[in-house]
C-alpha cells in the first residue's frame, strides 16, 4: 500500500512540475484547451507601427488565436476605417495631426463565453506630412546662405521634368538665363536632389553644381547643401529657402570674381 501511495504522490508532483514548466507560452499557443467561463482573457499582443506619417493608412493586428473570441477596436486621434471579418485586424487612417501628436488604438477581446478583457492600448506618434504639390515651391523665395546673407531667388517649374523647379539666381551670381534644377522626392522622405549640372556664373565662367537636402511639404521650405565648382576651386555652400519675406529689407552686395577669390 505504501508503495502505491508513494507512486501516486510522485505522479502528482511530476504533473504539477510539468504544468508549471509549460508556462505562459504553452497557454498562449494552445488557447483552445483553456475555456473556463470564470477566467478574464488578456489581449496578449498587437502588432502595428508606433510611428507614422500624417496621411498614411496602416494596419494593427492581433497576433494570437483563441477559438470563439472577437475583438472590438476604437481609435482616438485618427479614423478607424475598417475591421477584418475575423475582427483581428483594424485599418487606421492618420488624416490629421492629433493632440500631442499621438493616436491611441484600443482593443478589447470578448471570449465565446461572453467574458471581456481589459483594454489593450497601442500608441502611435504621428509625424507631420503634407501631400506634395510642386506649385507650393514656385515663385519668389528668400535664400539664406551661410556666411553670406539673404537674397532673392525665383523658382519656376521645369517644363518637362516631374517634381522639378529651376533657380534663376543660384549663389546670387548667375549669368542671364543660367538655371539650377532641384528635384523633390514627392514622398514621405521629403528629400531634394540637385543633380550634377553645369552652371554659368555671373562673369561668364562655366563650372558645375551638385547638392542634396530636405524639404517641408507643409511649411514650403527647404534646405540644401552643395558643392559648386568655380574656376577650378570647389566651394561648400549651405542654402535655406523660405517663401520670400526677408530679402526685401536686406541689401546684399552681389558677388564678383575678385570677391570669390
C-alpha atoms as a PDB file:
ATOM      1  CA  UNK A   1       0.000   0.000   0.000  1.00  0.00           C
ATOM      2  CA  UNK A   2       2.792   2.414   0.973  1.00  0.00           C
ATOM      3  CA  UNK A   3       4.444   1.890  -2.406  1.00  0.00           C
ATOM      4  CA  UNK A   4       1.194   2.700  -4.245  1.00  0.00           C
ATOM      5  CA  UNK A   5       0.696   5.927  -2.235  1.00  0.00           C
ATOM      6  CA  UNK A   6       4.287   6.978  -2.899  1.00  0.00           C
ATOM      7  CA  UNK A   7       3.838   6.345  -6.629  1.00  0.00           C
ATOM      8  CA  UNK A   8       0.631   8.425  -6.727  1.00  0.00           C
ATOM      9  CA  UNK A   9       2.280  11.323  -4.899  1.00  0.00           C
ATOM     10  CA  UNK A  10       5.264  11.179  -7.266  1.00  0.00           C
ATOM     11  CA  UNK A  11       2.943  11.170 -10.286  1.00  0.00           C
ATOM     12  CA  UNK A  12       1.007  14.163  -8.923  1.00  0.00           C
ATOM     13  CA  UNK A  13       4.207  16.134  -8.256  1.00  0.00           C
ATOM     14  CA  UNK A  14       5.509  15.324 -11.746  1.00  0.00           C
ATOM     15  CA  UNK A  15       2.267  16.601 -13.291  1.00  0.00           C
ATOM     16  CA  UNK A  16       2.470  19.846 -11.304  1.00  0.00           C
ATOM     17  CA  UNK A  17       6.081  20.399 -12.332  1.00  0.00           C
ATOM     18  CA  UNK A  18       5.268  19.667 -15.982  1.00  0.00           C
ATOM     19  CA  UNK A  19       2.371  22.124 -15.994  1.00  0.00           C
ATOM     20  CA  UNK A  20       4.462  24.823 -14.320  1.00  0.00           C
ATOM     21  CA  UNK A  21       7.289  24.329 -16.792  1.00  0.00           C
ATOM     22  CA  UNK A  22       4.943  24.929 -19.722  1.00  0.00           C
ATOM     23  CA  UNK A  23       4.386  28.494 -18.550  1.00  0.00           C
ATOM     24  CA  UNK A  24       2.626  31.265 -20.384  1.00  0.00           C
ATOM     25  CA  UNK A  25       3.948  30.350 -23.826  1.00  0.00           C
ATOM     26  CA  UNK A  26       2.253  26.946 -23.745  1.00  0.00           C
ATOM     27  CA  UNK A  27      -1.062  28.528 -22.771  1.00  0.00           C
ATOM     28  CA  UNK A  28      -0.796  31.192 -25.457  1.00  0.00           C
ATOM     29  CA  UNK A  29      -0.103  28.612 -28.133  1.00  0.00           C
ATOM     30  CA  UNK A  30      -2.922  26.297 -27.055  1.00  0.00           C
ATOM     31  CA  UNK A  31      -5.802  28.654 -26.317  1.00  0.00           C
ATOM     32  CA  UNK A  32      -8.428  26.130 -27.401  1.00  0.00           C
ATOM     33  CA  UNK A  33      -7.503  23.935 -24.437  1.00  0.00           C
ATOM     34  CA  UNK A  34      -8.475  26.651 -21.913  1.00  0.00           C
ATOM     35  CA  UNK A  35     -12.075  27.822 -21.981  1.00  0.00           C
ATOM     36  CA  UNK A  36     -13.144  28.402 -18.364  1.00  0.00           C
ATOM     37  CA  UNK A  37     -16.042  30.871 -18.208  1.00  0.00           C
ATOM     38  CA  UNK A  38     -14.749  32.461 -14.999  1.00  0.00           C
ATOM     39  CA  UNK A  39     -11.318  33.464 -16.369  1.00  0.00           C
ATOM     40  CA  UNK A  40     -10.828  37.016 -17.731  1.00  0.00           C
ATOM     41  CA  UNK A  41      -8.911  36.914 -21.044  1.00  0.00           C
ATOM     42  CA  UNK A  42      -5.863  39.051 -21.775  1.00  0.00           C
ATOM     43  CA  UNK A  43      -5.037  40.713 -25.096  1.00  0.00           C
ATOM     44  CA  UNK A  44      -1.514  39.340 -25.334  1.00  0.00           C
ATOM     45  CA  UNK A  45      -0.096  41.373 -28.211  1.00  0.00           C
ATOM     46  CA  UNK A  46      -0.955  43.725 -31.058  1.00  0.00           C
ATOM     47  CA  UNK A  47       1.371  44.401 -33.998  1.00  0.00           C
ATOM     48  CA  UNK A  48       1.472  47.704 -35.823  1.00  0.00           C
ATOM     49  CA  UNK A  49       3.639  50.810 -36.270  1.00  0.00           C
ATOM     50  CA  UNK A  50       4.350  53.051 -33.299  1.00  0.00           C
ATOM     51  CA  UNK A  51       5.349  55.972 -35.550  1.00  0.00           C
ATOM     52  CA  UNK A  52       3.572  57.001 -38.772  1.00  0.00           C
ATOM     53  CA  UNK A  53       3.274  59.947 -41.134  1.00  0.00           C
ATOM     54  CA  UNK A  54       0.195  62.108 -41.394  1.00  0.00           C
ATOM     55  CA  UNK A  55      -1.951  60.878 -44.363  1.00  0.00           C
ATOM     56  CA  UNK A  56      -0.765  57.252 -44.003  1.00  0.00           C
ATOM     57  CA  UNK A  57      -3.138  54.270 -43.767  1.00  0.00           C
ATOM     58  CA  UNK A  58      -1.802  51.426 -41.589  1.00  0.00           C
ATOM     59  CA  UNK A  59      -2.961  48.109 -40.083  1.00  0.00           C
ATOM     60  CA  UNK A  60      -2.932  46.814 -36.497  1.00  0.00           C
ATOM     61  CA  UNK A  61      -3.268  43.052 -35.922  1.00  0.00           C
ATOM     62  CA  UNK A  62      -3.941  40.569 -33.137  1.00  0.00           C
ATOM     63  CA  UNK A  63      -1.035  38.076 -33.103  1.00  0.00           C
ATOM     64  CA  UNK A  64      -2.647  35.040 -31.477  1.00  0.00           C
ATOM     65  CA  UNK A  65      -5.749  32.845 -31.826  1.00  0.00           C
ATOM     66  CA  UNK A  66      -8.406  31.987 -29.284  1.00  0.00           C
ATOM     67  CA  UNK A  67     -11.311  29.994 -30.700  1.00  0.00           C
ATOM     68  CA  UNK A  68     -14.638  31.836 -30.479  1.00  0.00           C
ATOM     69  CA  UNK A  69     -13.171  35.183 -29.425  1.00  0.00           C
ATOM     70  CA  UNK A  70     -13.922  38.515 -31.095  1.00  0.00           C
ATOM     71  CA  UNK A  71     -12.022  41.808 -30.814  1.00  0.00           C
ATOM     72  CA  UNK A  72     -13.553  45.284 -30.628  1.00  0.00           C
ATOM     73  CA  UNK A  73     -11.448  48.270 -31.773  1.00  0.00           C
ATOM     74  CA  UNK A  74     -11.638  52.002 -31.062  1.00  0.00           C
ATOM     75  CA  UNK A  75      -9.296  54.795 -32.155  1.00  0.00           C
ATOM     76  CA  UNK A  76      -8.691  58.218 -30.608  1.00  0.00           C
ATOM     77  CA  UNK A  77      -6.956  60.903 -32.677  1.00  0.00           C
ATOM     78  CA  UNK A  78      -7.328  59.150 -36.054  1.00  0.00           C
ATOM     79  CA  UNK A  79     -10.043  57.322 -38.019  1.00  0.00           C
ATOM     80  CA  UNK A  80     -10.903  53.620 -37.792  1.00  0.00           C
ATOM     81  CA  UNK A  81     -11.623  52.920 -41.471  1.00  0.00           C
ATOM     82  CA  UNK A  82     -12.006  49.142 -41.421  1.00  0.00           C
ATOM     83  CA  UNK A  83     -12.055  45.917 -39.396  1.00  0.00           C
ATOM     84  CA  UNK A  84     -11.431  42.472 -40.895  1.00  0.00           C
ATOM     85  CA  UNK A  85     -14.199  39.851 -40.917  1.00  0.00           C
ATOM     86  CA  UNK A  86     -12.489  37.917 -38.096  1.00  0.00           C
ATOM     87  CA  UNK A  87     -12.102  41.230 -36.173  1.00  0.00           C
ATOM     88  CA  UNK A  88      -8.373  40.575 -35.660  1.00  0.00           C
ATOM     89  CA  UNK A  89      -7.161  43.381 -37.949  1.00  0.00           C
ATOM     90  CA  UNK A  90      -8.002  47.087 -37.773  1.00  0.00           C
ATOM     91  CA  UNK A  91      -7.247  49.633 -40.514  1.00  0.00           C
ATOM     92  CA  UNK A  92      -6.463  53.137 -39.292  1.00  0.00           C
ATOM     93  CA  UNK A  93      -6.221  56.334 -41.365  1.00  0.00           C
ATOM     94  CA  UNK A  94      -3.999  59.073 -39.938  1.00  0.00           C
ATOM     95  CA  UNK A  95      -5.502  62.003 -41.827  1.00  0.00           C
ATOM     96  CA  UNK A  96      -4.574  64.804 -39.397  1.00  0.00           C
ATOM     97  CA  UNK A  97      -2.106  65.545 -36.592  1.00  0.00           C
ATOM     98  CA  UNK A  98      -3.810  64.756 -33.252  1.00  0.00           C
ATOM     99  CA  UNK A  99      -3.324  66.389 -29.845  1.00  0.00           C
ATOM    100  CA  UNK A 100       0.200  65.770 -28.540  1.00  0.00           C
ATOM    101  CA  UNK A 101       0.966  64.141 -31.937  1.00  0.00           C
ATOM    102  CA  UNK A 102      -0.275  60.798 -30.523  1.00  0.00           C
ATOM    103  CA  UNK A 103      -3.009  58.380 -31.620  1.00  0.00           C
ATOM    104  CA  UNK A 104      -4.392  55.723 -29.272  1.00  0.00           C
ATOM    105  CA  UNK A 105      -5.530  52.392 -30.784  1.00  0.00           C
ATOM    106  CA  UNK A 106      -7.566  50.384 -28.263  1.00  0.00           C
ATOM    107  CA  UNK A 107      -8.802  46.792 -28.462  1.00  0.00           C
ATOM    108  CA  UNK A 108     -10.914  44.555 -26.201  1.00  0.00           C
ATOM    109  CA  UNK A 109     -11.240  40.784 -26.565  1.00  0.00           C
ATOM    110  CA  UNK A 110     -14.518  39.025 -25.766  1.00  0.00           C
ATOM    111  CA  UNK A 111     -14.444  35.230 -25.424  1.00  0.00           C
ATOM    112  CA  UNK A 112     -17.058  32.780 -26.673  1.00  0.00           C
ATOM    113  CA  UNK A 113     -18.392  32.723 -23.102  1.00  0.00           C
ATOM    114  CA  UNK A 114     -19.008  36.500 -23.249  1.00  0.00           C
ATOM    115  CA  UNK A 115     -16.138  37.442 -20.908  1.00  0.00           C
ATOM    116  CA  UNK A 116     -14.370  40.701 -21.857  1.00  0.00           C
ATOM    117  CA  UNK A 117     -10.707  41.523 -21.364  1.00  0.00           C
ATOM    118  CA  UNK A 118      -9.199  44.741 -20.073  1.00  0.00           C
ATOM    119  CA  UNK A 119      -8.477  47.312 -22.785  1.00  0.00           C
ATOM    120  CA  UNK A 120      -5.162  46.968 -24.597  1.00  0.00           C
ATOM    121  CA  UNK A 121      -3.859  50.338 -25.847  1.00  0.00           C
ATOM    122  CA  UNK A 122      -1.209  50.912 -28.519  1.00  0.00           C
ATOM    123  CA  UNK A 123       0.210  54.410 -29.064  1.00  0.00           C
ATOM    124  CA  UNK A 124       1.314  55.762 -32.437  1.00  0.00           C
ATOM    125  CA  UNK A 125       3.205  59.029 -32.894  1.00  0.00           C
ATOM    126  CA  UNK A 126       2.110  60.980 -35.969  1.00  0.00           C
ATOM    127  CA  UNK A 127       4.815  62.882 -37.840  1.00  0.00           C
ATOM    128  CA  UNK A 128       3.691  65.848 -39.958  1.00  0.00           C
ATOM    129  CA  UNK A 129       3.338  65.326 -43.685  1.00  0.00           C
ATOM    130  CA  UNK A 130       1.512  67.291 -46.375  1.00  0.00           C
ATOM    131  CA  UNK A 131       0.891  65.873 -49.820  1.00  0.00           C
ATOM    132  CA  UNK A 132       3.488  67.269 -52.201  1.00  0.00           C
ATOM    133  CA  UNK A 133       2.397  69.968 -54.656  1.00  0.00           C
ATOM    134  CA  UNK A 134       5.102  71.464 -56.876  1.00  0.00           C
ATOM    135  CA  UNK A 135       3.097  74.695 -57.120  1.00  0.00           C
ATOM    136  CA  UNK A 136       3.860  75.370 -53.438  1.00  0.00           C
ATOM    137  CA  UNK A 137       7.542  75.731 -54.298  1.00  0.00           C
ATOM    138  CA  UNK A 138       7.452  78.209 -57.187  1.00  0.00           C
ATOM    139  CA  UNK A 139       7.673  82.000 -57.156  1.00  0.00           C
ATOM    140  CA  UNK A 140       9.706  84.423 -55.069  1.00  0.00           C
ATOM    141  CA  UNK A 141      11.830  82.909 -52.313  1.00  0.00           C
ATOM    142  CA  UNK A 142      14.439  84.108 -49.846  1.00  0.00           C
ATOM    143  CA  UNK A 143      17.761  82.285 -49.943  1.00  0.00           C
ATOM    144  CA  UNK A 144      19.630  82.475 -46.639  1.00  0.00           C
ATOM    145  CA  UNK A 145      23.211  81.489 -47.449  1.00  0.00           C
ATOM    146  CA  UNK A 146      25.541  80.593 -44.585  1.00  0.00           C
ATOM    147  CA  UNK A 147      28.386  83.104 -44.302  1.00  0.00           C
ATOM    148  CA  UNK A 148      26.923  85.430 -46.913  1.00  0.00           C
ATOM    149  CA  UNK A 149      23.389  86.670 -46.227  1.00  0.00           C
ATOM    150  CA  UNK A 150      19.825  86.675 -47.513  1.00  0.00           C
ATOM    151  CA  UNK A 151      18.949  87.415 -51.128  1.00  0.00           C
ATOM    152  CA  UNK A 152      16.069  86.895 -53.545  1.00  0.00           C
ATOM    153  CA  UNK A 153      15.674  83.979 -55.921  1.00  0.00           C
ATOM    154  CA  UNK A 154      12.836  82.953 -58.170  1.00  0.00           C
ATOM    155  CA  UNK A 155      11.729  79.370 -58.785  1.00  0.00           C
ATOM    156  CA  UNK A 156       9.820  78.184 -61.853  1.00  0.00           C
ATOM    157  CA  UNK A 157       8.539  74.726 -62.760  1.00  0.00           C
ATOM    158  CA  UNK A 158      10.699  72.729 -65.116  1.00  0.00           C
ATOM    159  CA  UNK A 159       8.797  72.311 -68.405  1.00  0.00           C
ATOM    160  CA  UNK A 160       9.443  68.560 -68.722  1.00  0.00           C
ATOM    161  CA  UNK A 161      10.966  67.070 -65.539  1.00  0.00           C
ATOM    162  CA  UNK A 162       8.499  65.920 -62.866  1.00  0.00           C
ATOM    163  CA  UNK A 163       8.668  67.470 -59.382  1.00  0.00           C
ATOM    164  CA  UNK A 164      11.452  69.784 -60.515  1.00  0.00           C
ATOM    165  CA  UNK A 165      11.934  73.547 -60.121  1.00  0.00           C
ATOM    166  CA  UNK A 166      14.592  75.903 -61.509  1.00  0.00           C
ATOM    167  CA  UNK A 167      16.517  78.608 -59.597  1.00  0.00           C
ATOM    168  CA  UNK A 168      17.323  81.751 -61.598  1.00  0.00           C
ATOM    169  CA  UNK A 169      19.811  83.261 -59.114  1.00  0.00           C
ATOM    170  CA  UNK A 170      21.986  80.474 -57.730  1.00  0.00           C
ATOM    171  CA  UNK A 171      24.819  81.731 -55.490  1.00  0.00           C
ATOM    172  CA  UNK A 172      23.492  85.264 -56.086  1.00  0.00           C
ATOM    173  CA  UNK A 173      25.692  85.280 -59.159  1.00  0.00           C
ATOM    174  CA  UNK A 174      24.056  83.703 -62.160  1.00  0.00           C
ATOM    175  CA  UNK A 175      24.682  84.613 -65.761  1.00  0.00           C
ATOM    176  CA  UNK A 176      21.488  85.655 -67.592  1.00  0.00           C
ATOM    177  CA  UNK A 177      19.446  82.545 -68.363  1.00  0.00           C
ATOM    178  CA  UNK A 178      21.648  80.228 -66.255  1.00  0.00           C
ATOM    179  CA  UNK A 179      19.436  77.993 -64.103  1.00  0.00           C
ATOM    180  CA  UNK A 180      19.914  75.261 -61.469  1.00  0.00           C
ATOM    181  CA  UNK A 181      17.458  72.339 -61.195  1.00  0.00           C
ATOM    182  CA  UNK A 182      16.070  70.984 -57.894  1.00  0.00           C
ATOM    183  CA  UNK A 183      14.068  67.734 -57.863  1.00  0.00           C
ATOM    184  CA  UNK A 184      11.738  66.870 -54.963  1.00  0.00           C
ATOM    185  CA  UNK A 185      11.070  63.252 -53.960  1.00  0.00           C
ATOM    186  CA  UNK A 186       7.336  63.911 -53.511  1.00  0.00           C
ATOM    187  CA  UNK A 187       7.071  61.175 -50.848  1.00  0.00           C
ATOM    188  CA  UNK A 188       7.450  60.679 -47.089  1.00  0.00           C
ATOM    189  CA  UNK A 189      11.239  61.026 -47.353  1.00  0.00           C
ATOM    190  CA  UNK A 190      10.867  64.707 -48.381  1.00  0.00           C
ATOM    191  CA  UNK A 191      14.302  64.894 -49.991  1.00  0.00           C
ATOM    192  CA  UNK A 192      15.658  67.408 -52.500  1.00  0.00           C
ATOM    193  CA  UNK A 193      18.264  66.476 -55.112  1.00  0.00           C
ATOM    194  CA  UNK A 194      20.378  68.850 -57.176  1.00  0.00           C
ATOM    195  CA  UNK A 195      21.889  66.539 -59.792  1.00  0.00           C
ATOM    196  CA  UNK A 196      25.366  67.474 -61.009  1.00  0.00           C
ATOM    197  CA  UNK A 197      24.919  70.072 -63.736  1.00  0.00           C
ATOM    198  CA  UNK A 198      26.923  72.764 -65.487  1.00  0.00           C
ATOM    199  CA  UNK A 199      26.343  76.353 -64.422  1.00  0.00           C
ATOM    200  CA  UNK A 200      27.480  79.684 -65.857  1.00  0.00           C
ATOM    201  CA  UNK A 201      28.430  82.255 -63.227  1.00  0.00           C
ATOM    202  CA  UNK A 202      27.883  85.996 -63.477  1.00  0.00           C
ATOM    203  CA  UNK A 203      31.277  86.662 -65.065  1.00  0.00           C
ATOM    204  CA  UNK A 204      30.784  84.016 -67.745  1.00  0.00           C
ATOM    205  CA  UNK A 205      32.874  81.313 -66.044  1.00  0.00           C
ATOM    206  CA  UNK A 206      31.386  77.839 -66.574  1.00  0.00           C
ATOM    207  CA  UNK A 207      31.511  75.474 -63.590  1.00  0.00           C
ATOM    208  CA  UNK A 208      29.235  72.883 -62.048  1.00  0.00           C
ATOM    209  CA  UNK A 209      26.822  72.444 -59.110  1.00  0.00           C
ATOM    210  CA  UNK A 210      25.706  69.360 -57.163  1.00  0.00           C
ATOM    211  CA  UNK A 211      23.768  69.004 -53.901  1.00  0.00           C
ATOM    212  CA  UNK A 212      21.047  67.436 -51.768  1.00  0.00           C
ATOM    213  CA  UNK A 213      18.802  68.329 -48.862  1.00  0.00           C
ATOM    214  CA  UNK A 214      15.375  68.125 -47.231  1.00  0.00           C
ATOM    215  CA  UNK A 215      12.079  69.954 -47.691  1.00  0.00           C
ATOM    216  CA  UNK A 216       8.979  70.547 -45.583  1.00  0.00           C
ATOM    217  CA  UNK A 217       5.841  69.968 -47.621  1.00  0.00           C
ATOM    218  CA  UNK A 218       3.672  71.765 -45.050  1.00  0.00           C
ATOM    219  CA  UNK A 219       5.809  74.889 -44.487  1.00  0.00           C
ATOM    220  CA  UNK A 220       7.008  75.003 -48.148  1.00  0.00           C
ATOM    221  CA  UNK A 221      10.608  75.475 -47.032  1.00  0.00           C
ATOM    222  CA  UNK A 222      13.744  73.516 -47.918  1.00  0.00           C
ATOM    223  CA  UNK A 223      17.442  73.269 -47.109  1.00  0.00           C
ATOM    224  CA  UNK A 224      20.214  72.226 -49.492  1.00  0.00           C
ATOM    225  CA  UNK A 225      23.959  71.594 -49.115  1.00  0.00           C
ATOM    226  CA  UNK A 226      26.035  71.852 -52.289  1.00  0.00           C
ATOM    227  CA  UNK A 227      29.463  71.566 -53.734  1.00  0.00           C
ATOM    228  CA  UNK A 228      29.895  74.072 -56.546  1.00  0.00           C
ATOM    229  CA  UNK A 229      32.966  74.425 -58.737  1.00  0.00           C
ATOM    230  CA  UNK A 230      34.159  77.813 -59.947  1.00  0.00           C
ATOM    231  CA  UNK A 231      37.380  78.409 -61.910  1.00  0.00           C
ATOM    232  CA  UNK A 232      38.963  75.167 -60.670  1.00  0.00           C
ATOM    233  CA  UNK A 233      38.059  75.626 -56.978  1.00  0.00           C
ATOM    234  CA  UNK A 234      35.247  73.811 -55.128  1.00  0.00           C
ATOM    235  CA  UNK A 235      33.064  75.567 -52.568  1.00  0.00           C
ATOM    236  CA  UNK A 236      30.807  74.055 -49.883  1.00  0.00           C
ATOM    237  CA  UNK A 237      27.567  76.040 -49.792  1.00  0.00           C
ATOM    238  CA  UNK A 238      24.531  75.849 -47.494  1.00  0.00           C
ATOM    239  CA  UNK A 239      21.181  77.372 -48.500  1.00  0.00           C
ATOM    240  CA  UNK A 240      17.956  77.704 -46.521  1.00  0.00           C
ATOM    241  CA  UNK A 241      14.952  78.617 -48.679  1.00  0.00           C
ATOM    242  CA  UNK A 242      11.670  80.123 -47.477  1.00  0.00           C
ATOM    243  CA  UNK A 243       8.825  81.952 -49.266  1.00  0.00           C
ATOM    244  CA  UNK A 244      10.050  85.498 -49.923  1.00  0.00           C
ATOM    245  CA  UNK A 245       9.794  87.823 -46.921  1.00  0.00           C
ATOM    246  CA  UNK A 246      13.234  88.743 -45.556  1.00  0.00           C
ATOM    247  CA  UNK A 247      15.217  89.802 -48.603  1.00  0.00           C
ATOM    248  CA  UNK A 248      13.001  92.828 -49.241  1.00  0.00           C
ATOM    249  CA  UNK A 249      14.545  94.577 -46.246  1.00  0.00           C
ATOM    250  CA  UNK A 250      18.105  93.312 -46.634  1.00  0.00           C
ATOM    251  CA  UNK A 251      20.575  94.576 -49.214  1.00  0.00           C
ATOM    252  CA  UNK A 252      23.350  92.136 -50.135  1.00  0.00           C
ATOM    253  CA  UNK A 253      26.290  93.109 -52.297  1.00  0.00           C
ATOM    254  CA  UNK A 254      26.431  90.929 -55.388  1.00  0.00           C
ATOM    255  CA  UNK A 255      29.329  88.540 -55.772  1.00  0.00           C
ATOM    256  CA  UNK A 256      32.055  89.244 -58.282  1.00  0.00           C
ATOM    257  CA  UNK A 257      35.171  87.426 -59.360  1.00  0.00           C
ATOM    258  CA  UNK A 258      37.504  89.342 -57.031  1.00  0.00           C
ATOM    259  CA  UNK A 259      35.190  88.734 -54.036  1.00  0.00           C
ATOM    260  CA  UNK A 260      35.090  84.975 -54.703  1.00  0.00           C
ATOM    261  CA  UNK A 261      38.843  84.734 -54.953  1.00  0.00           C
END
